[in-house]
Protein backbone atom coordinates (compact mmCIF):
# COMPACT_ATOMS: atom_id res chain seq x y z
CA MET A 1 53.48 -4.88 -23.77
CA ILE A 2 55.50 -3.54 -27.14
CA PHE A 3 58.79 -5.34 -26.05
CA ASP A 4 61.17 -4.07 -28.80
CA PHE A 5 59.34 -0.59 -29.51
CA PRO A 6 62.15 1.27 -27.31
CA GLU A 7 65.23 0.10 -28.58
CA ARG A 8 63.94 0.09 -32.29
CA PHE A 9 62.44 3.87 -31.39
CA ARG A 10 65.60 4.87 -30.06
CA TYR A 11 67.78 3.11 -32.80
CA LEU A 12 65.57 4.93 -35.55
CA TRP A 13 65.45 8.60 -34.74
CA GLN A 14 69.51 9.05 -33.50
CA SER A 15 70.08 6.76 -36.91
CA LYS A 16 68.54 9.98 -38.56
CA ASN A 17 70.37 12.64 -36.13
CA LEU A 18 67.40 14.07 -34.70
CA ALA A 19 66.99 16.00 -31.41
CA GLN A 20 64.52 14.99 -29.54
CA ASN A 21 62.46 17.93 -29.68
CA GLN A 22 62.67 17.55 -33.66
CA LEU A 23 61.15 14.05 -33.32
CA ALA A 24 58.85 15.03 -30.86
CA SER A 25 57.48 17.90 -33.23
CA LEU A 26 57.57 15.61 -36.25
CA ILE A 27 55.43 12.95 -34.53
CA GLY A 28 52.85 15.29 -32.60
CA VAL A 29 54.04 14.84 -28.67
CA ASP A 30 55.69 16.40 -26.35
CA ARG A 31 59.39 15.69 -25.89
CA SER A 32 59.12 14.71 -22.37
CA THR A 33 57.28 11.81 -24.61
CA ILE A 34 59.92 10.82 -26.34
CA SER A 35 61.68 9.96 -22.71
CA SER A 36 58.85 8.37 -21.70
CA TYR A 37 58.87 5.95 -25.04
CA GLU A 38 62.49 5.13 -24.52
CA SER A 39 62.73 4.16 -21.29
CA ASN A 40 59.09 1.94 -21.56
CA ILE A 41 57.38 4.55 -19.17
CA ARG A 42 54.75 4.86 -21.77
CA GLN A 43 53.62 3.16 -24.83
CA PRO A 44 52.25 5.25 -27.94
CA SER A 45 48.77 5.57 -29.07
CA LEU A 46 47.67 3.36 -32.20
CA ASP A 47 47.40 7.03 -34.19
CA THR A 48 51.32 7.63 -32.73
CA LEU A 49 52.53 4.73 -33.55
CA SER A 50 51.18 5.27 -37.00
CA ARG A 51 53.21 8.56 -37.46
CA ILE A 52 55.95 7.14 -36.16
CA ALA A 53 55.95 4.30 -38.46
CA ASP A 54 55.76 7.39 -41.44
CA VAL A 55 57.90 9.28 -40.24
CA PHE A 56 61.17 6.87 -40.44
CA GLY A 57 59.12 4.75 -43.52
CA VAL A 58 59.00 1.55 -41.82
CA SER A 59 56.05 -0.95 -40.34
CA THR A 60 54.46 -0.54 -37.42
CA ASP A 61 55.17 -4.51 -37.66
CA TYR A 62 58.77 -3.51 -37.40
CA LEU A 63 58.33 -0.90 -34.26
CA LEU A 64 56.13 -3.58 -32.50
CA GLY A 65 59.11 -6.06 -32.84
CA ARG A 66 56.97 -8.77 -34.95
CA THR A 67 59.05 -8.40 -37.82
CA ASP A 68 62.78 -7.39 -38.24
CA SER A 69 62.47 -5.83 -41.75
CA LEU A 70 62.54 -2.11 -41.82
CA GLY A 71 60.45 -2.35 -44.79
CA PHE A 72 57.96 -3.98 -47.41
CA ASP A 73 59.49 -6.55 -49.81
CA PHE A 74 57.27 -6.33 -52.74
CA LEU A 75 59.75 -9.15 -54.38
CA ALA A 76 58.68 -12.07 -51.90
CA LEU A 77 54.95 -11.37 -53.28
CA ASN A 78 53.44 -13.73 -55.63
CA GLY A 79 52.40 -12.68 -58.99
CA GLU A 80 48.54 -12.57 -57.72
CA GLU A 81 49.62 -10.73 -54.93
CA LYS A 82 51.61 -8.29 -56.72
CA ALA A 83 48.77 -8.00 -59.43
CA LEU A 84 46.62 -6.59 -56.63
CA VAL A 85 49.17 -4.49 -55.25
CA TYR A 86 49.35 -2.76 -58.47
CA LYS A 87 45.34 -2.66 -59.20
CA LEU A 88 45.40 -0.99 -55.60
CA ALA A 89 48.03 1.63 -56.15
CA PHE A 90 46.32 2.44 -59.58
CA ALA A 91 42.80 2.90 -57.83
CA LEU A 92 44.50 4.98 -56.07
CA SER A 93 46.27 7.33 -57.84
CA GLU A 94 42.34 7.87 -59.99
CA LYS A 95 41.02 8.85 -56.67
CA ASN A 96 43.73 11.07 -56.08
CA LEU A 97 43.79 12.60 -59.45
CA GLN A 98 39.59 12.92 -59.22
CA LEU A 99 40.13 14.47 -56.01
CA ARG A 100 42.56 17.12 -57.28
CA GLN A 101 40.01 18.05 -60.10
CA LEU A 102 37.12 18.27 -57.45
CA GLN A 103 39.70 20.69 -55.55
CA GLU A 104 40.52 22.56 -58.46
CA GLY A 105 37.42 23.32 -59.47
CA ILE A 106 35.96 24.32 -55.77
CA PRO A 107 36.92 28.41 -55.48
CA ASP A 108 38.53 28.81 -52.03
CA ALA A 109 35.80 30.20 -49.47
C-alpha cells in the first residue's frame, strides 16, 4: 500500500493551482480517478505513477514516500557517479541526434 501518496499527490497538484480536470487531462485519467487517488480508494498503476512524476518533475520515490527530496541531488553524488551520469547524458543526446537525423531523412507517408 502506498501510504504517503495521497497527501503528496494532493500537495503537488494543489501547489500548481491545477483543477482536478486539468490534472486528469495531463496524466491521462478521468477526473473521478483524481479523487480516488486523494482518498486512497485507488492507487495509480506504475505507468500512471511515472506520468505523475513526470508532470510534477519529482521522483516516484518521492510520490511513494521513500524519500522526502522532491528532486535528484546531483551534488550528493561522488566523482565516479557524476562521471557516469555525464556519460549517460552524452550517450542519450547522441542517440537523440541520430534519431532526429533519421526522421529528417525519411519522407512523410
